[in-house]
Amino acid sequence: MLSKTELKELTREETVIKLRDNQEALMNLRFQHALQQLDNPLEIKKVKKEIAQLKTILREYEMGNR
């Protein structure tokens, strides 16, 4: 997980890559949770929050606010 300041410093390309990585991680966490192999279910919440933050940053790029 990156902090908010680290997220703000990412370029558009780095943000897209990080978003793709987090989406894959979320899918893996959901599989682990379904198979009851996940030690900390709160990881899913953290990854979903970071995905939302990354999508917000990408939207700001689209609107020209960054």
N, C-alpha and C. Protein backbone atom coordinates (compact mmCIF):
# COMPACT_ATOMS: atom_id res chain seq x y z
N MET A 1 0.84 -1.18 0.00
CA MET A 1 0.00 0.00 0.00
C MET A 1 0.88 1.25 0.00
N LEU A 2 0.52 2.17 -0.83
CA LEU A 2 1.23 3.44 -0.90
C LEU A 2 0.48 4.47 -0.08
N SER A 3 1.24 5.42 0.47
CA SER A 3 0.59 6.51 1.20
C SER A 3 -0.01 7.50 0.19
N LYS A 4 -0.82 8.41 0.70
CA LYS A 4 -1.46 9.39 -0.20
C LYS A 4 -0.43 10.25 -0.91
N THR A 5 0.63 10.64 -0.21
CA THR A 5 1.65 11.48 -0.85
C THR A 5 2.38 10.70 -1.93
N GLU A 6 2.63 9.42 -1.70
CA GLU A 6 3.29 8.60 -2.72
C GLU A 6 2.37 8.41 -3.93
N LEU A 7 1.08 8.27 -3.69
CA LEU A 7 0.14 8.13 -4.79
C LEU A 7 0.09 9.39 -5.64
N LYS A 8 0.14 10.54 -4.99
CA LYS A 8 0.06 11.81 -5.72
C LYS A 8 1.28 12.05 -6.58
N GLU A 9 2.41 11.43 -6.24
CA GLU A 9 3.65 11.64 -6.98
C GLU A 9 3.77 10.74 -8.21
N LEU A 10 2.86 9.77 -8.36
CA LEU A 10 2.93 8.85 -9.48
C LEU A 10 2.57 9.55 -10.79
N THR A 11 3.25 9.14 -11.86
CA THR A 11 2.89 9.65 -13.18
C THR A 11 1.66 8.90 -13.66
N ARG A 12 1.10 9.34 -14.77
CA ARG A 12 -0.10 8.69 -15.31
C ARG A 12 0.17 7.23 -15.64
N GLU A 13 1.32 6.94 -16.27
CA GLU A 13 1.66 5.58 -16.65
C GLU A 13 1.86 4.69 -15.42
N GLU A 14 2.54 5.23 -14.41
CA GLU A 14 2.76 4.48 -13.17
C GLU A 14 1.44 4.19 -12.47
N THR A 15 0.51 5.14 -12.56
CA THR A 15 -0.80 4.96 -11.94
C THR A 15 -1.57 3.84 -12.63
N VAL A 16 -1.51 3.80 -13.95
CA VAL A 16 -2.21 2.75 -14.71
C VAL A 16 -1.63 1.38 -14.36
N ILE A 17 -0.30 1.29 -14.27
CA ILE A 17 0.36 0.03 -13.94
C ILE A 17 -0.02 -0.41 -12.52
N LYS A 18 0.02 0.51 -11.59
CA LYS A 18 -0.32 0.21 -10.19
C LYS A 18 -1.78 -0.23 -10.08
N LEU A 19 -2.67 0.42 -10.83
CA LEU A 19 -4.08 0.05 -10.83
C LEU A 19 -4.26 -1.37 -11.33
N ARG A 20 -3.60 -1.72 -12.43
CA ARG A 20 -3.70 -3.06 -12.99
C ARG A 20 -3.18 -4.10 -11.99
N ASP A 21 -2.06 -3.79 -11.33
CA ASP A 21 -1.49 -4.70 -10.34
C ASP A 21 -2.45 -4.90 -9.16
N ASN A 22 -3.06 -3.81 -8.71
CA ASN A 22 -3.99 -3.91 -7.58
C ASN A 22 -5.25 -4.69 -7.95
N GLN A 23 -5.72 -4.53 -9.18
CA GLN A 23 -6.90 -5.28 -9.60
C GLN A 23 -6.60 -6.79 -9.63
N GLU A 24 -5.39 -7.15 -10.08
CA GLU A 24 -4.99 -8.55 -10.07
C GLU A 24 -4.86 -9.06 -8.63
N ALA A 25 -4.29 -8.23 -7.76
CA ALA A 25 -4.13 -8.61 -6.36
C ALA A 25 -5.48 -8.80 -5.70
N LEU A 26 -6.44 -7.94 -6.02
CA LEU A 26 -7.78 -8.06 -5.46
C LEU A 26 -8.43 -9.37 -5.90
N MET A 27 -8.27 -9.73 -7.15
CA MET A 27 -8.83 -10.97 -7.65
C MET A 27 -8.21 -12.16 -6.90
N ASN A 28 -6.90 -12.13 -6.71
CA ASN A 28 -6.22 -13.21 -5.98
C ASN A 28 -6.68 -13.27 -4.53
N LEU A 29 -6.85 -12.11 -3.89
CA LEU A 29 -7.31 -12.08 -2.51
C LEU A 29 -8.72 -12.65 -2.39
N ARG A 30 -9.57 -12.35 -3.37
CA ARG A 30 -10.93 -12.88 -3.34
C ARG A 30 -10.93 -14.40 -3.50
N PHE A 31 -10.05 -14.92 -4.36
CA PHE A 31 -9.94 -16.37 -4.50
C PHE A 31 -9.47 -17.00 -3.19
N GLN A 32 -8.46 -16.39 -2.58
CA GLN A 32 -7.95 -16.91 -1.31
C GLN A 32 -9.03 -16.87 -0.23
N HIS A 33 -9.81 -15.80 -0.23
CA HIS A 33 -10.88 -15.67 0.75
C HIS A 33 -11.96 -16.75 0.53
N ALA A 34 -12.28 -17.00 -0.73
CA ALA A 34 -13.28 -18.02 -1.03
C ALA A 34 -12.81 -19.41 -0.62
N LEU A 35 -11.50 -19.64 -0.74
CA LEU A 35 -10.94 -20.93 -0.36
C LEU A 35 -10.54 -20.98 1.12
N GLN A 36 -10.83 -19.91 1.83
CA GLN A 36 -10.53 -19.77 3.25
C GLN A 36 -9.04 -19.93 3.54
N GLN A 37 -8.21 -19.37 2.65
CA GLN A 37 -6.77 -19.39 2.83
C GLN A 37 -6.22 -18.00 3.15
N LEU A 38 -7.11 -17.03 3.29
CA LEU A 38 -6.70 -15.65 3.52
C LEU A 38 -6.56 -15.41 5.02
N ASP A 39 -5.36 -14.97 5.43
CA ASP A 39 -5.09 -14.74 6.84
C ASP A 39 -5.76 -13.48 7.35
N ASN A 40 -5.71 -12.41 6.55
CA ASN A 40 -6.23 -11.12 6.99
C ASN A 40 -7.25 -10.61 5.96
N PRO A 41 -8.54 -10.81 6.22
CA PRO A 41 -9.56 -10.36 5.26
C PRO A 41 -9.61 -8.84 5.07
N LEU A 42 -9.02 -8.09 5.99
CA LEU A 42 -9.01 -6.63 5.84
C LEU A 42 -8.11 -6.18 4.69
N GLU A 43 -7.27 -7.06 4.19
CA GLU A 43 -6.44 -6.73 3.02
C GLU A 43 -7.31 -6.40 1.82
N ILE A 44 -8.43 -7.09 1.69
CA ILE A 44 -9.35 -6.82 0.57
C ILE A 44 -9.82 -5.38 0.64
N LYS A 45 -10.19 -4.92 1.82
CA LYS A 45 -10.67 -3.55 2.00
C LYS A 45 -9.57 -2.54 1.64
N LYS A 46 -8.34 -2.82 2.06
CA LYS A 46 -7.24 -1.90 1.79
C LYS A 46 -6.96 -1.80 0.29
N VAL A 47 -6.98 -2.93 -0.39
CA VAL A 47 -6.71 -2.93 -1.83
C VAL A 47 -7.83 -2.22 -2.58
N LYS A 48 -9.09 -2.44 -2.18
CA LYS A 48 -10.21 -1.76 -2.83
C LYS A 48 -10.12 -0.25 -2.64
N LYS A 49 -9.68 0.18 -1.47
CA LYS A 49 -9.54 1.62 -1.21
C LYS A 49 -8.44 2.22 -2.10
N GLU A 50 -7.33 1.51 -2.23
CA GLU A 50 -6.26 2.02 -3.07
C GLU A 50 -6.67 2.05 -4.53
N ILE A 51 -7.45 1.06 -4.98
CA ILE A 51 -7.95 1.07 -6.35
C ILE A 51 -8.82 2.31 -6.58
N ALA A 52 -9.67 2.63 -5.62
CA ALA A 52 -10.52 3.82 -5.75
C ALA A 52 -9.68 5.09 -5.81
N GLN A 53 -8.63 5.16 -5.01
CA GLN A 53 -7.75 6.33 -5.03
C GLN A 53 -7.05 6.46 -6.37
N LEU A 54 -6.59 5.33 -6.91
CA LEU A 54 -5.91 5.35 -8.20
C LEU A 54 -6.87 5.76 -9.32
N LYS A 55 -8.11 5.28 -9.26
CA LYS A 55 -9.09 5.67 -10.28
C LYS A 55 -9.40 7.16 -10.19
N THR A 56 -9.41 7.70 -8.99
CA THR A 56 -9.64 9.13 -8.81
C THR A 56 -8.50 9.93 -9.43
N ILE A 57 -7.28 9.47 -9.22
CA ILE A 57 -6.11 10.15 -9.79
C ILE A 57 -6.18 10.12 -11.31
N LEU A 58 -6.54 8.96 -11.88
CA LEU A 58 -6.66 8.86 -13.34
C LEU A 58 -7.75 9.79 -13.87
N ARG A 59 -8.83 9.90 -13.15
CA ARG A 59 -9.92 10.81 -13.56
C ARG A 59 -9.44 12.25 -13.52
N GLU A 60 -8.63 12.59 -12.53
CA GLU A 60 -8.09 13.95 -12.46
C GLU A 60 -7.19 14.22 -13.67
N TYR A 61 -6.43 13.21 -14.10
CA TYR A 61 -5.61 13.38 -15.31
C TYR A 61 -6.49 13.63 -16.52
N GLU A 62 -7.59 12.88 -16.64
CA GLU A 62 -8.51 13.03 -17.77
C GLU A 62 -9.14 14.42 -17.80
N MET A 63 -9.46 14.95 -16.64
CA MET A 63 -10.12 16.25 -16.57
C MET A 63 -9.13 17.41 -16.66
N GLY A 64 -7.85 17.10 -16.63
CA GLY A 64 -6.84 18.13 -16.74
C GLY A 64 -6.50 18.81 -15.44
N ASN A 65 -6.89 18.22 -14.31
CA ASN A 65 -6.58 18.79 -13.01
C ASN A 65 -5.19 18.43 -12.53
N ARG A 66 -4.51 17.58 -13.25
CA ARG A 66 -3.15 17.19 -12.88
C ARG A 66 -2.20 17.52 -14.00
